[in-house]
Amino acid sequence: MGLGKTIMTLSLFDHLNKVYKLRGPYLILAPLTTLEHWKKIADEWTSLNSILYYDPSSAEGRSEIRYWEWFYTDVTYKG
């Protein structure tokens, strides 16, 4: 039974972005089964165009996560 929680949350993010110029980042923590739905709804209902979703169940998604999210910079090393 849909209560509109996804739409209300994404419209709040869109409102913060448009009216108050708060660009984020906004972190959504949800079960993996619902994240793809969140992305689809955000694309349809808002103008937020910076949503990243990497499906960790596919090899391509895991390689994207490793490339973009797992990095380490040693700040003590110079040169």
N, C-alpha and C. Protein backbone atom coordinates (compact mmCIF):
# COMPACT_ATOMS: atom_id res chain seq x y z
N MET A 1 0.84 -1.17 0.00
CA MET A 1 0.00 0.00 0.00
C MET A 1 0.89 1.24 0.00
N GLY A 2 0.83 2.02 -1.04
CA GLY A 2 1.68 3.19 -1.15
C GLY A 2 1.14 4.37 -0.37
N LEU A 3 1.99 4.92 0.49
CA LEU A 3 1.59 6.07 1.28
C LEU A 3 2.24 7.35 0.79
N GLY A 4 3.10 7.25 -0.22
CA GLY A 4 3.70 8.44 -0.78
C GLY A 4 4.96 8.92 -0.09
N LYS A 5 5.58 8.06 0.72
CA LYS A 5 6.79 8.48 1.45
C LYS A 5 7.93 8.80 0.49
N THR A 6 8.07 8.04 -0.57
CA THR A 6 9.14 8.28 -1.53
C THR A 6 8.95 9.63 -2.21
N ILE A 7 7.75 9.89 -2.68
CA ILE A 7 7.45 11.15 -3.37
C ILE A 7 7.64 12.33 -2.43
N MET A 8 7.18 12.22 -1.19
CA MET A 8 7.30 13.33 -0.24
C MET A 8 8.77 13.62 0.07
N THR A 9 9.57 12.60 0.26
CA THR A 9 10.99 12.79 0.57
C THR A 9 11.71 13.41 -0.61
N LEU A 10 11.49 12.89 -1.80
CA LEU A 10 12.16 13.43 -2.98
C LEU A 10 11.68 14.84 -3.31
N SER A 11 10.41 15.13 -3.06
CA SER A 11 9.95 16.49 -3.30
C SER A 11 10.54 17.46 -2.28
N LEU A 12 10.81 17.00 -1.06
CA LEU A 12 11.51 17.83 -0.08
C LEU A 12 12.92 18.15 -0.56
N PHE A 13 13.64 17.14 -1.06
CA PHE A 13 14.98 17.37 -1.59
C PHE A 13 14.94 18.34 -2.77
N ASP A 14 13.96 18.19 -3.63
CA ASP A 14 13.82 19.08 -4.78
C ASP A 14 13.50 20.50 -4.33
N HIS A 15 12.65 20.64 -3.33
CA HIS A 15 12.31 21.95 -2.78
C HIS A 15 13.54 22.62 -2.16
N LEU A 16 14.31 21.86 -1.38
CA LEU A 16 15.54 22.41 -0.79
C LEU A 16 16.51 22.86 -1.87
N ASN A 17 16.55 22.12 -2.95
CA ASN A 17 17.45 22.45 -4.05
C ASN A 17 16.99 23.71 -4.79
N LYS A 18 15.71 23.81 -5.11
CA LYS A 18 15.21 24.92 -5.91
C LYS A 18 15.04 26.20 -5.10
N VAL A 19 14.43 26.13 -3.95
CA VAL A 19 14.08 27.33 -3.19
C VAL A 19 15.25 27.84 -2.34
N TYR A 20 15.89 26.94 -1.62
CA TYR A 20 16.94 27.36 -0.69
C TYR A 20 18.34 27.17 -1.24
N LYS A 21 18.45 26.67 -2.47
CA LYS A 21 19.74 26.46 -3.14
C LYS A 21 20.68 25.54 -2.34
N LEU A 22 20.10 24.59 -1.63
CA LEU A 22 20.88 23.59 -0.90
C LEU A 22 21.04 22.38 -1.80
N ARG A 23 22.19 22.26 -2.42
CA ARG A 23 22.39 21.23 -3.43
C ARG A 23 22.68 19.86 -2.85
N GLY A 24 22.89 19.76 -1.58
CA GLY A 24 23.15 18.45 -1.00
C GLY A 24 24.61 18.29 -0.66
N PRO A 25 25.09 17.14 -0.57
CA PRO A 25 24.53 15.86 -0.99
C PRO A 25 23.51 15.32 0.00
N TYR A 26 22.58 14.57 -0.50
CA TYR A 26 21.57 13.92 0.30
C TYR A 26 21.82 12.42 0.24
N LEU A 27 21.84 11.81 1.38
CA LEU A 27 22.11 10.39 1.46
C LEU A 27 20.82 9.66 1.78
N ILE A 28 20.48 8.69 0.95
CA ILE A 28 19.29 7.87 1.19
C ILE A 28 19.75 6.48 1.57
N LEU A 29 19.36 6.06 2.73
CA LEU A 29 19.65 4.71 3.20
C LEU A 29 18.36 3.91 3.13
N ALA A 30 18.39 2.89 2.34
CA ALA A 30 17.19 2.07 2.15
C ALA A 30 17.62 0.68 1.74
N PRO A 31 16.74 -0.28 1.86
CA PRO A 31 17.08 -1.62 1.38
C PRO A 31 17.38 -1.59 -0.12
N LEU A 32 18.28 -2.48 -0.55
CA LEU A 32 18.67 -2.51 -1.96
C LEU A 32 17.49 -2.75 -2.89
N THR A 33 16.48 -3.42 -2.38
CA THR A 33 15.32 -3.72 -3.23
C THR A 33 14.54 -2.47 -3.58
N THR A 34 14.68 -1.39 -2.81
CA THR A 34 13.90 -0.18 -3.07
C THR A 34 14.71 0.94 -3.73
N LEU A 35 16.03 0.83 -3.75
CA LEU A 35 16.84 1.93 -4.28
C LEU A 35 16.62 2.19 -5.77
N GLU A 36 16.45 1.14 -6.55
CA GLU A 36 16.20 1.34 -7.97
C GLU A 36 14.86 2.06 -8.19
N HIS A 37 13.88 1.73 -7.36
CA HIS A 37 12.58 2.41 -7.43
C HIS A 37 12.74 3.88 -7.07
N TRP A 38 13.54 4.20 -6.05
CA TRP A 38 13.78 5.59 -5.66
C TRP A 38 14.39 6.36 -6.83
N LYS A 39 15.36 5.76 -7.50
CA LYS A 39 16.01 6.44 -8.62
C LYS A 39 15.02 6.70 -9.74
N LYS A 40 14.18 5.72 -10.04
CA LYS A 40 13.19 5.88 -11.10
C LYS A 40 12.20 7.00 -10.76
N ILE A 41 11.72 7.03 -9.54
CA ILE A 41 10.78 8.06 -9.12
C ILE A 41 11.45 9.44 -9.12
N ALA A 42 12.69 9.51 -8.68
CA ALA A 42 13.39 10.80 -8.67
C ALA A 42 13.58 11.33 -10.08
N ASP A 43 13.87 10.46 -11.03
CA ASP A 43 14.02 10.89 -12.42
C ASP A 43 12.70 11.39 -13.00
N GLU A 44 11.58 10.76 -12.60
CA GLU A 44 10.28 11.13 -13.14
C GLU A 44 9.69 12.38 -12.49
N TRP A 45 9.87 12.57 -11.19
CA TRP A 45 9.14 13.58 -10.45
C TRP A 45 9.95 14.83 -10.10
N THR A 46 11.28 14.77 -10.17
CA THR A 46 12.08 15.91 -9.74
C THR A 46 13.07 16.30 -10.83
N SER A 47 13.72 17.42 -10.60
CA SER A 47 14.77 17.85 -11.53
C SER A 47 16.16 17.50 -10.99
N LEU A 48 16.23 16.67 -9.97
CA LEU A 48 17.52 16.25 -9.43
C LEU A 48 18.17 15.31 -10.44
N ASN A 49 19.30 15.70 -10.96
CA ASN A 49 19.92 14.90 -12.01
C ASN A 49 21.26 14.31 -11.60
N SER A 50 21.54 14.26 -10.35
CA SER A 50 22.84 13.76 -9.91
C SER A 50 22.70 12.51 -9.04
N ILE A 51 21.75 11.68 -9.37
CA ILE A 51 21.52 10.49 -8.58
C ILE A 51 22.39 9.37 -9.12
N LEU A 52 23.18 8.78 -8.22
CA LEU A 52 24.04 7.68 -8.59
C LEU A 52 23.53 6.42 -7.92
N TYR A 53 23.37 5.39 -8.68
CA TYR A 53 22.96 4.10 -8.14
C TYR A 53 23.78 3.03 -8.82
N TYR A 54 24.57 2.34 -8.03
CA TYR A 54 25.37 1.23 -8.56
C TYR A 54 24.79 -0.06 -8.01
N ASP A 55 24.37 -0.92 -8.89
CA ASP A 55 23.79 -2.19 -8.47
C ASP A 55 24.93 -3.12 -8.05
N PRO A 56 25.05 -3.41 -6.74
CA PRO A 56 26.17 -4.24 -6.30
C PRO A 56 26.02 -5.71 -6.67
N SER A 57 24.88 -6.11 -7.21
CA SER A 57 24.72 -7.51 -7.59
C SER A 57 25.31 -7.81 -8.96
N SER A 58 25.67 -6.76 -9.72
CA SER A 58 26.27 -7.00 -11.03
C SER A 58 27.76 -6.69 -10.97
N ALA A 59 28.52 -7.32 -11.84
CA ALA A 59 29.97 -7.10 -11.88
C ALA A 59 30.29 -5.66 -12.28
N GLU A 60 29.51 -5.10 -13.19
CA GLU A 60 29.74 -3.72 -13.62
C GLU A 60 29.50 -2.74 -12.47
N GLY A 61 28.46 -2.97 -11.69
CA GLY A 61 28.17 -2.11 -10.55
C GLY A 61 29.26 -2.18 -9.49
N ARG A 62 29.75 -3.39 -9.22
CA ARG A 62 30.82 -3.54 -8.24
C ARG A 62 32.10 -2.87 -8.70
N SER A 63 32.42 -2.94 -10.00
CA SER A 63 33.64 -2.28 -10.47
C SER A 63 33.49 -0.76 -10.42
N GLU A 64 32.30 -0.24 -10.68
CA GLU A 64 32.06 1.20 -10.56
C GLU A 64 32.21 1.66 -9.11
N ILE A 65 31.70 0.88 -8.17
CA ILE A 65 31.85 1.23 -6.76
C ILE A 65 33.31 1.24 -6.37
N ARG A 66 34.06 0.23 -6.80
CA ARG A 66 35.49 0.20 -6.49
C ARG A 66 36.22 1.40 -7.09
N TYR A 67 35.87 1.77 -8.31
CA TYR A 67 36.56 2.85 -8.99
C TYR A 67 36.25 4.21 -8.37
N TRP A 68 34.98 4.48 -8.10
CA TRP A 68 34.57 5.82 -7.65
C TRP A 68 34.50 5.99 -6.14
N GLU A 69 34.20 4.94 -5.40
CA GLU A 69 33.94 5.10 -3.97
C GLU A 69 35.06 4.62 -3.06
N TRP A 70 35.83 3.65 -3.49
CA TRP A 70 36.88 3.12 -2.63
C TRP A 70 38.21 3.68 -3.07
N PHE A 71 38.65 4.71 -2.41
CA PHE A 71 39.95 5.28 -2.73
C PHE A 71 40.59 5.75 -1.44
N TYR A 72 41.89 5.85 -1.47
CA TYR A 72 42.63 6.27 -0.30
C TYR A 72 43.78 7.15 -0.76
N THR A 73 43.89 8.31 -0.15
CA THR A 73 44.99 9.21 -0.46
C THR A 73 45.81 9.39 0.81
N ASP A 74 47.06 9.02 0.74
CA ASP A 74 47.94 9.17 1.87
C ASP A 74 48.42 10.61 1.93
N VAL A 75 47.92 11.38 2.88
CA VAL A 75 48.28 12.79 2.95
C VAL A 75 49.66 13.00 3.53
N THR A 76 50.24 11.99 4.16
CA THR A 76 51.59 12.13 4.71
C THR A 76 52.65 11.96 3.65
N TYR A 77 52.29 11.33 2.53
CA TYR A 77 53.22 11.11 1.43
C TYR A 77 53.29 12.36 0.56
N LYS A 78 54.48 12.85 0.35
CA LYS A 78 54.64 14.06 -0.47
C LYS A 78 55.49 13.73 -1.67
N GLY A 79 55.00 14.13 -2.84
CA GLY A 79 55.80 13.89 -4.02
C GLY A 79 55.22 12.97 -4.97
